[in-house]
């Protein structure tokens, strides 16, 4: 097994990979469609892409708070499951499954400071 660290905005430095696994990364990348094309180019035929990342609505309250303070800015890309499936299909992936899984991470009130 080997690991590759790479800039996801550039072609991956190796082709013919058996699998690409990404955990909690892609919501920081603005161009999912482009990244999926680069992943498809790096995988060998029959290779697998497995990933999880934040999805549509995941941080809606954070974005609403930012907007409420006049900040129309977000460094995140939280796509819908339908958009993700479409982007994967355009990149050439088949047998695709994507779903939004709610994973709330409540912060106890006594741990919140002003």
PDB file of N, CA and C in Angstrom:
ATOM      1  N   UNK A   1       0.848  -1.160   0.000  1.00  0.00           N
ATOM      2  CA  UNK A   1       0.000   0.000   0.000  1.00  0.00           C
ATOM      3  C   UNK A   1       0.895   1.224   0.000  1.00  0.00           C
ATOM      4  N   UNK A   2       0.467   2.207  -0.767  1.00  0.00           N
ATOM      5  CA  UNK A   2       1.191   3.469  -0.759  1.00  0.00           C
ATOM      6  C   UNK A   2       0.188   4.609  -0.673  1.00  0.00           C
ATOM      7  N   UNK A   3       0.672   5.744  -0.231  1.00  0.00           N
ATOM      8  CA  UNK A   3      -0.157   6.923  -0.072  1.00  0.00           C
ATOM      9  C   UNK A   3       0.413   8.039  -0.937  1.00  0.00           C
ATOM     10  N   UNK A   4      -0.488   8.849  -1.482  1.00  0.00           N
ATOM     11  CA  UNK A   4      -0.075   9.980  -2.295  1.00  0.00           C
ATOM     12  C   UNK A   4      -0.684  11.237  -1.688  1.00  0.00           C
ATOM     13  N   UNK A   5       0.147  12.227  -1.475  1.00  0.00           N
ATOM     14  CA  UNK A   5      -0.346  13.533  -1.069  1.00  0.00           C
ATOM     15  C   UNK A   5      -0.230  14.425  -2.289  1.00  0.00           C
ATOM     16  N   UNK A   6      -1.346  15.059  -2.684  1.00  0.00           N
ATOM     17  CA  UNK A   6      -1.329  15.842  -3.915  1.00  0.00           C
ATOM     18  C   UNK A   6      -2.298  17.005  -3.824  1.00  0.00           C
ATOM     19  N   UNK A   7      -2.027  18.021  -4.627  1.00  0.00           N
ATOM     20  CA  UNK A   7      -2.935  19.143  -4.784  1.00  0.00           C
ATOM     21  C   UNK A   7      -4.087  18.679  -5.664  1.00  0.00           C
ATOM     22  N   UNK A   8      -5.307  18.709  -5.150  1.00  0.00           N
ATOM     23  CA  UNK A   8      -6.457  18.196  -5.896  1.00  0.00           C
ATOM     24  C   UNK A   8      -6.861  19.093  -7.058  1.00  0.00           C
ATOM     25  N   UNK A   9      -6.229  20.252  -7.178  1.00  0.00           N
ATOM     26  CA  UNK A   9      -6.502  21.123  -8.320  1.00  0.00           C
ATOM     27  C   UNK A   9      -5.594  20.813  -9.506  1.00  0.00           C
ATOM     28  N   UNK A  10      -4.683  19.863  -9.344  1.00  0.00           N
ATOM     29  CA  UNK A  10      -3.744  19.479 -10.397  1.00  0.00           C
ATOM     30  C   UNK A  10      -3.936  18.000 -10.725  1.00  0.00           C
ATOM     31  N   UNK A  11      -3.488  17.544 -11.901  1.00  0.00           N
ATOM     32  CA  UNK A  11      -3.550  16.107 -12.176  1.00  0.00           C
ATOM     33  C   UNK A  11      -2.784  15.342 -11.096  1.00  0.00           C
ATOM     34  N   UNK A  12      -3.305  14.202 -10.713  1.00  0.00           N
ATOM     35  CA  UNK A  12      -2.623  13.397  -9.705  1.00  0.00           C
ATOM     36  C   UNK A  12      -1.332  12.836 -10.302  1.00  0.00           C
ATOM     37  N   UNK A  13      -0.297  12.691  -9.479  1.00  0.00           N
ATOM     38  CA  UNK A  13       1.014  12.326 -10.009  1.00  0.00           C
ATOM     39  C   UNK A  13       1.155  10.862 -10.424  1.00  0.00           C
ATOM     40  N   UNK A  14       0.127  10.081 -10.248  1.00  0.00           N
ATOM     41  CA  UNK A  14       0.240   8.661 -10.581  1.00  0.00           C
ATOM     42  C   UNK A  14      -1.086   8.190 -11.175  1.00  0.00           C
ATOM     43  N   UNK A  15      -1.015   7.353 -12.183  1.00  0.00           N
ATOM     44  CA  UNK A  15      -2.218   6.753 -12.765  1.00  0.00           C
ATOM     45  C   UNK A  15      -2.196   5.256 -12.477  1.00  0.00           C
ATOM     46  N   UNK A  16      -3.313   4.597 -12.717  1.00  0.00           N
ATOM     47  CA  UNK A  16      -3.375   3.156 -12.490  1.00  0.00           C
ATOM     48  C   UNK A  16      -3.615   2.778 -11.040  1.00  0.00           C
ATOM     49  N   UNK A  17      -4.214   3.678 -10.276  1.00  0.00           N
ATOM     50  CA  UNK A  17      -4.482   3.391  -8.862  1.00  0.00           C
ATOM     51  C   UNK A  17      -5.648   2.416  -8.719  1.00  0.00           C
ATOM     52  N   UNK A  18      -5.573   1.559  -7.719  1.00  0.00           N
ATOM     53  CA  UNK A  18      -6.661   0.627  -7.414  1.00  0.00           C
ATOM     54  C   UNK A  18      -7.819   1.343  -6.732  1.00  0.00           C
ATOM     55  N   UNK A  19      -7.511   2.307  -5.878  1.00  0.00           N
ATOM     56  CA  UNK A  19      -8.555   2.989  -5.117  1.00  0.00           C
ATOM     57  C   UNK A  19      -8.070   4.371  -4.700  1.00  0.00           C
ATOM     58  N   UNK A  20      -9.037   5.248  -4.539  1.00  0.00           N
ATOM     59  CA  UNK A  20      -8.802   6.564  -3.945  1.00  0.00           C
ATOM     60  C   UNK A  20      -9.784   6.686  -2.795  1.00  0.00           C
ATOM     61  N   UNK A  21      -9.261   7.023  -1.624  1.00  0.00           N
ATOM     62  CA  UNK A  21     -10.083   7.188  -0.425  1.00  0.00           C
ATOM     63  C   UNK A  21      -9.855   8.597   0.100  1.00  0.00           C
ATOM     64  N   UNK A  22     -10.938   9.292   0.378  1.00  0.00           N
ATOM     65  CA  UNK A  22     -10.849  10.649   0.903  1.00  0.00           C
ATOM     66  C   UNK A  22     -11.853  10.796   2.035  1.00  0.00           C
ATOM     67  N   UNK A  23     -11.388  11.315   3.149  1.00  0.00           N
ATOM     68  CA  UNK A  23     -12.259  11.490   4.304  1.00  0.00           C
ATOM     69  C   UNK A  23     -12.251  12.952   4.732  1.00  0.00           C
ATOM     70  N   UNK A  24     -13.432  13.536   4.755  1.00  0.00           N
ATOM     71  CA  UNK A  24     -13.611  14.908   5.255  1.00  0.00           C
ATOM     72  C   UNK A  24     -12.679  15.916   4.591  1.00  0.00           C
ATOM     73  N   UNK A  25     -12.570  15.815   3.269  1.00  0.00           N
ATOM     74  CA  UNK A  25     -11.692  16.720   2.526  1.00  0.00           C
ATOM     75  C   UNK A  25     -12.428  17.497   1.444  1.00  0.00           C
ATOM     76  N   UNK A  26     -13.263  16.816   0.677  1.00  0.00           N
ATOM     77  CA  UNK A  26     -13.777  17.425  -0.556  1.00  0.00           C
ATOM     78  C   UNK A  26     -14.664  18.642  -0.336  1.00  0.00           C
ATOM     79  N   UNK A  27     -15.252  18.803   0.850  1.00  0.00           N
ATOM     80  CA  UNK A  27     -16.054  20.013   1.050  1.00  0.00           C
ATOM     81  C   UNK A  27     -15.185  21.266   1.133  1.00  0.00           C
ATOM     82  N   UNK A  28     -13.864  21.101   1.179  1.00  0.00           N
ATOM     83  CA  UNK A  28     -12.941  22.236   1.159  1.00  0.00           C
ATOM     84  C   UNK A  28     -12.487  22.564  -0.259  1.00  0.00           C
ATOM     85  N   UNK A  29     -12.891  21.765  -1.242  1.00  0.00           N
ATOM     86  CA  UNK A  29     -12.448  21.919  -2.626  1.00  0.00           C
ATOM     87  C   UNK A  29     -13.602  22.488  -3.452  1.00  0.00           C
ATOM     88  N   UNK A  30     -13.394  23.604  -4.155  1.00  0.00           N
ATOM     89  CA  UNK A  30     -14.510  24.254  -4.842  1.00  0.00           C
ATOM     90  C   UNK A  30     -15.013  23.558  -6.106  1.00  0.00           C
ATOM     91  N   UNK A  31     -14.188  22.812  -6.795  1.00  0.00           N
ATOM     92  CA  UNK A  31     -14.574  22.262  -8.097  1.00  0.00           C
ATOM     93  C   UNK A  31     -14.681  20.736  -8.035  1.00  0.00           C
ATOM     94  N   UNK A  32     -15.782  20.234  -7.498  1.00  0.00           N
ATOM     95  CA  UNK A  32     -15.938  18.779  -7.379  1.00  0.00           C
ATOM     96  C   UNK A  32     -15.895  18.078  -8.735  1.00  0.00           C
ATOM     97  N   UNK A  33     -16.539  18.657  -9.736  1.00  0.00           N
ATOM     98  CA  UNK A  33     -16.570  18.019 -11.059  1.00  0.00           C
ATOM     99  C   UNK A  33     -15.147  17.837 -11.592  1.00  0.00           C
ATOM    100  N   UNK A  34     -14.312  18.847 -11.453  1.00  0.00           N
ATOM    101  CA  UNK A  34     -12.929  18.753 -11.904  1.00  0.00           C
ATOM    102  C   UNK A  34     -12.132  17.735 -11.113  1.00  0.00           C
ATOM    103  N   UNK A  35     -12.328  17.712  -9.808  1.00  0.00           N
ATOM    104  CA  UNK A  35     -11.625  16.742  -8.964  1.00  0.00           C
ATOM    105  C   UNK A  35     -12.038  15.324  -9.347  1.00  0.00           C
ATOM    106  N   UNK A  36     -13.325  15.109  -9.590  1.00  0.00           N
ATOM    107  CA  UNK A  36     -13.785  13.763  -9.959  1.00  0.00           C
ATOM    108  C   UNK A  36     -13.176  13.331 -11.291  1.00  0.00           C
ATOM    109  N   UNK A  37     -13.010  14.262 -12.238  1.00  0.00           N
ATOM    110  CA  UNK A  37     -12.355  13.915 -13.511  1.00  0.00           C
ATOM    111  C   UNK A  37     -10.898  13.510 -13.269  1.00  0.00           C
ATOM    112  N   UNK A  38     -10.214  14.245 -12.403  1.00  0.00           N
ATOM    113  CA  UNK A  38      -8.820  13.904 -12.096  1.00  0.00           C
ATOM    114  C   UNK A  38      -8.733  12.560 -11.376  1.00  0.00           C
ATOM    115  N   UNK A  39      -9.684  12.290 -10.503  1.00  0.00           N
ATOM    116  CA  UNK A  39      -9.716  10.981  -9.838  1.00  0.00           C
ATOM    117  C   UNK A  39      -9.928   9.870 -10.867  1.00  0.00           C
ATOM    118  N   UNK A  40     -10.876  10.068 -11.779  1.00  0.00           N
ATOM    119  CA  UNK A  40     -11.152   9.042 -12.800  1.00  0.00           C
ATOM    120  C   UNK A  40      -9.915   8.783 -13.650  1.00  0.00           C
ATOM    121  N   UNK A  41      -9.172   9.833 -13.985  1.00  0.00           N
ATOM    122  CA  UNK A  41      -7.941   9.673 -14.774  1.00  0.00           C
ATOM    123  C   UNK A  41      -6.876   8.900 -14.007  1.00  0.00           C
ATOM    124  N   UNK A  42      -6.866   9.025 -12.690  1.00  0.00           N
ATOM    125  CA  UNK A  42      -5.826   8.386 -11.880  1.00  0.00           C
ATOM    126  C   UNK A  42      -6.132   6.923 -11.569  1.00  0.00           C
ATOM    127  N   UNK A  43      -7.394   6.536 -11.664  1.00  0.00           N
ATOM    128  CA  UNK A  43      -7.770   5.159 -11.336  1.00  0.00           C
ATOM    129  C   UNK A  43      -7.590   4.230 -12.522  1.00  0.00           C
ATOM    130  N   UNK A  44      -7.219   3.000 -12.240  1.00  0.00           N
ATOM    131  CA  UNK A  44      -7.181   2.003 -13.303  1.00  0.00           C
ATOM    132  C   UNK A  44      -8.614   1.566 -13.583  1.00  0.00           C
ATOM    133  N   UNK A  45      -8.893   0.947 -14.723  1.00  0.00           N
ATOM    134  CA  UNK A  45     -10.252   0.459 -14.997  1.00  0.00           C
ATOM    135  C   UNK A  45     -10.720  -0.463 -13.861  1.00  0.00           C
ATOM    136  N   UNK A  46     -11.903  -0.189 -13.360  1.00  0.00           N
ATOM    137  CA  UNK A  46     -12.443  -0.965 -12.244  1.00  0.00           C
ATOM    138  C   UNK A  46     -12.013  -0.459 -10.881  1.00  0.00           C
ATOM    139  N   UNK A  47     -11.180   0.593 -10.864  1.00  0.00           N
ATOM    140  CA  UNK A  47     -10.748   1.158  -9.584  1.00  0.00           C
ATOM    141  C   UNK A  47     -11.915   1.800  -8.848  1.00  0.00           C
ATOM    142  N   UNK A  48     -11.750   1.991  -7.555  1.00  0.00           N
ATOM    143  CA  UNK A  48     -12.835   2.508  -6.724  1.00  0.00           C
ATOM    144  C   UNK A  48     -12.494   3.866  -6.130  1.00  0.00           C
ATOM    145  N   UNK A  49     -13.518   4.695  -6.034  1.00  0.00           N
ATOM    146  CA  UNK A  49     -13.430   5.979  -5.345  1.00  0.00           C
ATOM    147  C   UNK A  49     -14.371   5.909  -4.151  1.00  0.00           C
ATOM    148  N   UNK A  50     -13.837   6.103  -2.977  1.00  0.00           N
ATOM    149  CA  UNK A  50     -14.629   6.102  -1.745  1.00  0.00           C
ATOM    150  C   UNK A  50     -14.338   7.404  -1.016  1.00  0.00           C
ATOM    151  N   UNK A  51     -15.375   8.158  -0.695  1.00  0.00           N
ATOM    152  CA  UNK A  51     -15.133   9.413   0.009  1.00  0.00           C
ATOM    153  C   UNK A  51     -16.336   9.804   0.839  1.00  0.00           C
ATOM    154  N   UNK A  52     -16.064  10.621   1.826  1.00  0.00           N
ATOM    155  CA  UNK A  52     -17.135  11.287   2.556  1.00  0.00           C
ATOM    156  C   UNK A  52     -16.710  12.743   2.726  1.00  0.00           C
ATOM    157  N   UNK A  53     -17.710  13.588   2.774  1.00  0.00           N
ATOM    158  CA  UNK A  53     -17.465  15.016   2.974  1.00  0.00           C
ATOM    159  C   UNK A  53     -18.783  15.643   3.385  1.00  0.00           C
ATOM    160  N   UNK A  54     -18.730  16.865   3.819  1.00  0.00           N
ATOM    161  CA  UNK A  54     -19.944  17.570   4.166  1.00  0.00           C
ATOM    162  C   UNK A  54     -20.847  17.715   2.956  1.00  0.00           C
ATOM    163  N   UNK A  55     -22.154  17.654   3.179  1.00  0.00           N
ATOM    164  CA  UNK A  55     -23.116  17.745   2.093  1.00  0.00           C
ATOM    165  C   UNK A  55     -24.087  18.895   2.278  1.00  0.00           C
ATOM    166  N   UNK A  56     -24.911  19.087   1.269  1.00  0.00           N
ATOM    167  CA  UNK A  56     -25.887  20.181   1.223  1.00  0.00           C
ATOM    168  C   UNK A  56     -26.650  20.301   2.548  1.00  0.00           C
ATOM    169  N   UNK A  57     -26.683  21.508   3.071  1.00  0.00           N
ATOM    170  CA  UNK A  57     -27.402  21.781   4.306  1.00  0.00           C
ATOM    171  C   UNK A  57     -26.611  21.477   5.563  1.00  0.00           C
ATOM    172  N   UNK A  58     -25.410  20.896   5.401  1.00  0.00           N
ATOM    173  CA  UNK A  58     -24.616  20.438   6.537  1.00  0.00           C
ATOM    174  C   UNK A  58     -24.280  21.562   7.507  1.00  0.00           C
ATOM    175  N   UNK A  59     -23.984  22.726   6.982  1.00  0.00           N
ATOM    176  CA  UNK A  59     -23.629  23.853   7.853  1.00  0.00           C
ATOM    177  C   UNK A  59     -24.507  25.066   7.561  1.00  0.00           C
ATOM    178  N   UNK A  60     -25.756  24.801   7.232  1.00  0.00           N
ATOM    179  CA  UNK A  60     -26.669  25.891   6.865  1.00  0.00           C
ATOM    180  C   UNK A  60     -26.751  26.954   7.954  1.00  0.00           C
ATOM    181  N   UNK A  61     -26.749  26.541   9.208  1.00  0.00           N
ATOM    182  CA  UNK A  61     -26.856  27.528  10.283  1.00  0.00           C
ATOM    183  C   UNK A  61     -25.599  28.383  10.375  1.00  0.00           C
ATOM    184  N   UNK A  62     -24.436  27.816  10.077  1.00  0.00           N
ATOM    185  CA  UNK A  62     -23.188  28.588  10.093  1.00  0.00           C
ATOM    186  C   UNK A  62     -23.210  29.627   8.975  1.00  0.00           C
ATOM    187  N   UNK A  63     -23.596  29.194   7.770  1.00  0.00           N
ATOM    188  CA  UNK A  63     -23.655  30.108   6.627  1.00  0.00           C
ATOM    189  C   UNK A  63     -24.693  31.207   6.884  1.00  0.00           C
ATOM    190  N   UNK A  64     -25.835  30.846   7.456  1.00  0.00           N
ATOM    191  CA  UNK A  64     -26.867  31.842   7.775  1.00  0.00           C
ATOM    192  C   UNK A  64     -26.334  32.864   8.783  1.00  0.00           C
ATOM    193  N   UNK A  65     -25.582  32.411   9.764  1.00  0.00           N
ATOM    194  CA  UNK A  65     -24.997  33.330  10.753  1.00  0.00           C
ATOM    195  C   UNK A  65     -23.998  34.269  10.086  1.00  0.00           C
ATOM    196  N   UNK A  66     -23.160  33.722   9.206  1.00  0.00           N
ATOM    197  CA  UNK A  66     -22.217  34.577   8.478  1.00  0.00           C
ATOM    198  C   UNK A  66     -22.965  35.628   7.667  1.00  0.00           C
ATOM    199  N   UNK A  67     -24.003  35.191   6.943  1.00  0.00           N
ATOM    200  CA  UNK A  67     -24.787  36.133   6.136  1.00  0.00           C
ATOM    201  C   UNK A  67     -25.463  37.173   7.032  1.00  0.00           C
ATOM    202  N   UNK A  68     -25.918  36.746   8.208  1.00  0.00           N
ATOM    203  CA  UNK A  68     -26.552  37.667   9.150  1.00  0.00           C
ATOM    204  C   UNK A  68     -25.611  38.750   9.648  1.00  0.00           C
ATOM    205  N   UNK A  69     -24.326  38.492   9.543  1.00  0.00           N
ATOM    206  CA  UNK A  69     -23.315  39.476   9.939  1.00  0.00           C
ATOM    207  C   UNK A  69     -22.706  40.176   8.729  1.00  0.00           C
ATOM    208  N   UNK A  70     -23.398  40.045   7.582  1.00  0.00           N
ATOM    209  CA  UNK A  70     -22.958  40.744   6.384  1.00  0.00           C
ATOM    210  C   UNK A  70     -21.816  40.066   5.633  1.00  0.00           C
ATOM    211  N   UNK A  71     -21.513  38.825   5.965  1.00  0.00           N
ATOM    212  CA  UNK A  71     -20.429  38.103   5.290  1.00  0.00           C
ATOM    213  C   UNK A  71     -21.018  37.145   4.271  1.00  0.00           C
ATOM    214  N   UNK A  72     -20.832  37.461   3.017  1.00  0.00           N
ATOM    215  CA  UNK A  72     -21.318  36.585   1.955  1.00  0.00           C
ATOM    216  C   UNK A  72     -20.137  35.772   1.433  1.00  0.00           C
ATOM    217  N   UNK A  73     -19.604  34.941   2.301  1.00  0.00           N
ATOM    218  CA  UNK A  73     -18.389  34.211   2.002  1.00  0.00           C
ATOM    219  C   UNK A  73     -18.489  32.814   2.602  1.00  0.00           C
ATOM    220  N   UNK A  74     -17.973  31.852   1.873  1.00  0.00           N
ATOM    221  CA  UNK A  74     -17.915  30.486   2.380  1.00  0.00           C
ATOM    222  C   UNK A  74     -16.790  29.755   1.658  1.00  0.00           C
ATOM    223  N   UNK A  75     -15.845  29.186   2.400  1.00  0.00           N
ATOM    224  CA  UNK A  75     -14.769  28.433   1.752  1.00  0.00           C
ATOM    225  C   UNK A  75     -15.157  26.992   1.440  1.00  0.00           C
ATOM    226  N   UNK A  76     -16.403  26.638   1.711  1.00  0.00           N
ATOM    227  CA  UNK A  76     -16.823  25.247   1.610  1.00  0.00           C
ATOM    228  C   UNK A  76     -17.686  24.996   0.380  1.00  0.00           C
ATOM    229  N   UNK A  77     -17.673  23.751  -0.085  1.00  0.00           N
ATOM    230  CA  UNK A  77     -18.545  23.309  -1.161  1.00  0.00           C
ATOM    231  C   UNK A  77     -19.369  22.144  -0.634  1.00  0.00           C
ATOM    232  N   UNK A  78     -20.602  22.399  -0.332  1.00  0.00           N
ATOM    233  CA  UNK A  78     -21.505  21.376   0.200  1.00  0.00           C
ATOM    234  C   UNK A  78     -22.551  21.067  -0.864  1.00  0.00           C
ATOM    235  N   UNK A  79     -22.283  20.066  -1.687  1.00  0.00           N
ATOM    236  CA  UNK A  79     -23.161  19.706  -2.800  1.00  0.00           C
ATOM    237  C   UNK A  79     -24.298  18.797  -2.341  1.00  0.00           C
ATOM    238  N   UNK A  80     -25.344  18.747  -3.145  1.00  0.00           N
ATOM    239  CA  UNK A  80     -26.430  17.797  -2.910  1.00  0.00           C
ATOM    240  C   UNK A  80     -25.989  16.417  -3.384  1.00  0.00           C
ATOM    241  N   UNK A  81     -26.685  15.400  -2.917  1.00  0.00           N
ATOM    242  CA  UNK A  81     -26.379  14.048  -3.381  1.00  0.00           C
ATOM    243  C   UNK A  81     -26.647  13.925  -4.878  1.00  0.00           C
ATOM    244  N   UNK A  82     -27.692  14.579  -5.365  1.00  0.00           N
ATOM    245  CA  UNK A  82     -28.011  14.527  -6.802  1.00  0.00           C
ATOM    246  C   UNK A  82     -26.913  15.181  -7.642  1.00  0.00           C
ATOM    247  N   UNK A  83     -26.417  16.329  -7.192  1.00  0.00           N
ATOM    248  CA  UNK A  83     -25.347  17.003  -7.928  1.00  0.00           C
ATOM    249  C   UNK A  83     -24.069  16.168  -7.911  1.00  0.00           C
ATOM    250  N   UNK A  84     -23.780  15.551  -6.783  1.00  0.00           N
ATOM    251  CA  UNK A  84     -22.582  14.705  -6.683  1.00  0.00           C
ATOM    252  C   UNK A  84     -22.681  13.515  -7.632  1.00  0.00           C
ATOM    253  N   UNK A  85     -23.837  12.878  -7.680  1.00  0.00           N
ATOM    254  CA  UNK A  85     -24.042  11.747  -8.600  1.00  0.00           C
ATOM    255  C   UNK A  85     -23.870  12.209 -10.047  1.00  0.00           C
ATOM    256  N   UNK A  86     -24.423  13.373 -10.375  1.00  0.00           N
ATOM    257  CA  UNK A  86     -24.294  13.904 -11.734  1.00  0.00           C
ATOM    258  C   UNK A  86     -22.830  14.190 -12.075  1.00  0.00           C
ATOM    259  N   UNK A  87     -22.103  14.828 -11.163  1.00  0.00           N
ATOM    260  CA  UNK A  87     -20.690  15.147 -11.409  1.00  0.00           C
ATOM    261  C   UNK A  87     -19.861  13.871 -11.566  1.00  0.00           C
ATOM    262  N   UNK A  88     -20.134  12.863 -10.761  1.00  0.00           N
ATOM    263  CA  UNK A  88     -19.415  11.587 -10.872  1.00  0.00           C
ATOM    264  C   UNK A  88     -19.705  10.917 -12.214  1.00  0.00           C
ATOM    265  N   UNK A  89     -20.959  10.971 -12.658  1.00  0.00           N
ATOM    266  CA  UNK A  89     -21.318  10.380 -13.943  1.00  0.00           C
ATOM    267  C   UNK A  89     -20.617  11.057 -15.105  1.00  0.00           C
ATOM    268  N   UNK A  90     -20.564  12.382 -15.078  1.00  0.00           N
ATOM    269  CA  UNK A  90     -19.878  13.127 -16.135  1.00  0.00           C
ATOM    270  C   UNK A  90     -18.389  12.767 -16.155  1.00  0.00           C
ATOM    271  N   UNK A  91     -17.822  12.498 -14.988  1.00  0.00           N
ATOM    272  CA  UNK A  91     -16.398  12.137 -14.900  1.00  0.00           C
ATOM    273  C   UNK A  91     -16.142  10.707 -15.367  1.00  0.00           C
ATOM    274  N   UNK A  92     -17.218   9.931 -15.588  1.00  0.00           N
ATOM    275  CA  UNK A  92     -17.048   8.566 -16.093  1.00  0.00           C
ATOM    276  C   UNK A  92     -17.266   7.471 -15.071  1.00  0.00           C
ATOM    277  N   UNK A  93     -17.636   7.851 -13.857  1.00  0.00           N
ATOM    278  CA  UNK A  93     -17.884   6.829 -12.842  1.00  0.00           C
ATOM    279  C   UNK A  93     -19.238   6.177 -13.079  1.00  0.00           C
ATOM    280  N   UNK A  94     -19.305   4.879 -12.842  1.00  0.00           N
ATOM    281  CA  UNK A  94     -20.555   4.130 -12.948  1.00  0.00           C
ATOM    282  C   UNK A  94     -20.805   3.443 -11.620  1.00  0.00           C
ATOM    283  N   UNK A  95     -21.991   2.884 -11.464  1.00  0.00           N
ATOM    284  CA  UNK A  95     -22.345   2.208 -10.207  1.00  0.00           C
ATOM    285  C   UNK A  95     -22.092   3.138  -9.025  1.00  0.00           C
ATOM    286  N   UNK A  96     -22.675   4.329  -9.109  1.00  0.00           N
ATOM    287  CA  UNK A  96     -22.443   5.405  -8.152  1.00  0.00           C
ATOM    288  C   UNK A  96     -23.551   5.436  -7.109  1.00  0.00           C
ATOM    289  N   UNK A  97     -23.156   5.676  -5.879  1.00  0.00           N
ATOM    290  CA  UNK A  97     -24.116   5.876  -4.796  1.00  0.00           C
ATOM    291  C   UNK A  97     -23.652   7.064  -3.972  1.00  0.00           C
ATOM    292  N   UNK A  98     -24.558   7.977  -3.692  1.00  0.00           N
ATOM    293  CA  UNK A  98     -24.269   9.122  -2.829  1.00  0.00           C
ATOM    294  C   UNK A  98     -25.490   9.372  -1.975  1.00  0.00           C
ATOM    295  N   UNK A  99     -25.268   9.695  -0.737  1.00  0.00           N
ATOM    296  CA  UNK A  99     -26.387   9.991   0.155  1.00  0.00           C
ATOM    297  C   UNK A  99     -25.958  11.018   1.190  1.00  0.00           C
ATOM    298  N   UNK A 100     -26.925  11.791   1.629  1.00  0.00           N
ATOM    299  CA  UNK A 100     -26.685  12.742   2.708  1.00  0.00           C
ATOM    300  C   UNK A 100     -27.017  12.044   4.021  1.00  0.00           C
ATOM    301  N   UNK A 101     -26.053  12.006   4.911  1.00  0.00           N
ATOM    302  CA  UNK A 101     -26.221  11.340   6.199  1.00  0.00           C
ATOM    303  C   UNK A 101     -26.082  12.391   7.291  1.00  0.00           C
ATOM    304  N   UNK A 102     -27.152  12.663   8.030  1.00  0.00           N
ATOM    305  CA  UNK A 102     -27.037  13.664   9.089  1.00  0.00           C
ATOM    306  C   UNK A 102     -26.167  13.130  10.237  1.00  0.00           C
ATOM    307  N   UNK A 103     -25.184  13.918  10.603  1.00  0.00           N
ATOM    308  CA  UNK A 103     -24.311  13.561  11.724  1.00  0.00           C
ATOM    309  C   UNK A 103     -24.151  14.796  12.610  1.00  0.00           C
ATOM    310  N   UNK A 104     -25.181  15.108  13.374  1.00  0.00           N
ATOM    311  CA  UNK A 104     -25.079  16.303  14.210  1.00  0.00           C
ATOM    312  C   UNK A 104     -23.972  16.147  15.256  1.00  0.00           C
ATOM    313  N   UNK A 105     -23.302  17.220  15.501  1.00  0.00           N
ATOM    314  CA  UNK A 105     -22.254  17.255  16.519  1.00  0.00           C
ATOM    315  C   UNK A 105     -22.585  18.373  17.494  1.00  0.00           C
ATOM    316  N   UNK A 106     -23.533  18.116  18.401  1.00  0.00           N
ATOM    317  CA  UNK A 106     -23.944  19.182  19.323  1.00  0.00           C
ATOM    318  C   UNK A 106     -22.814  19.569  20.270  1.00  0.00           C
ATOM    319  N   UNK A 107     -22.745  20.849  20.546  1.00  0.00           N
ATOM    320  CA  UNK A 107     -21.776  21.370  21.510  1.00  0.00           C
ATOM    321  C   UNK A 107     -22.562  21.737  22.769  1.00  0.00           C
ATOM    322  N   UNK A 108     -22.220  21.124  23.906  1.00  0.00           N
ATOM    323  CA  UNK A 108     -22.932  21.446  25.137  1.00  0.00           C
ATOM    324  C   UNK A 108     -22.837  22.940  25.455  1.00  0.00           C
ATOM    325  N   UNK A 109     -23.932  23.504  25.938  1.00  0.00           N
ATOM    326  CA  UNK A 109     -23.999  24.945  26.202  1.00  0.00           C
ATOM    327  C   UNK A 109     -22.891  25.419  27.133  1.00  0.00           C
ATOM    328  N   UNK A 110     -22.477  24.595  28.089  1.00  0.00           N
ATOM    329  CA  UNK A 110     -21.439  25.021  29.017  1.00  0.00           C
ATOM    330  C   UNK A 110     -20.046  25.065  28.372  1.00  0.00           C
ATOM    331  N   UNK A 111     -19.913  24.585  27.114  1.00  0.00           N
ATOM    332  CA  UNK A 111     -18.641  24.645  26.413  1.00  0.00           C
ATOM    333  C   UNK A 111     -18.580  25.798  25.414  1.00  0.00           C
ATOM    334  N   UNK A 112     -19.670  26.554  25.312  1.00  0.00           N
ATOM    335  CA  UNK A 112     -19.721  27.687  24.399  1.00  0.00           C
ATOM    336  C   UNK A 112     -19.362  28.951  25.156  1.00  0.00           C
ATOM    337  N   UNK A 113     -18.387  29.690  24.652  1.00  0.00           N
ATOM    338  CA  UNK A 113     -18.014  30.939  25.297  1.00  0.00           C
ATOM    339  C   UNK A 113     -18.334  32.091  24.353  1.00  0.00           C
ATOM    340  N   UNK A 114     -18.579  33.238  24.918  1.00  0.00           N
ATOM    341  CA  UNK A 114     -18.878  34.437  24.121  1.00  0.00           C
ATOM    342  C   UNK A 114     -17.636  35.100  23.651  1.00  0.00           C
TER     343      UNK A 114
END
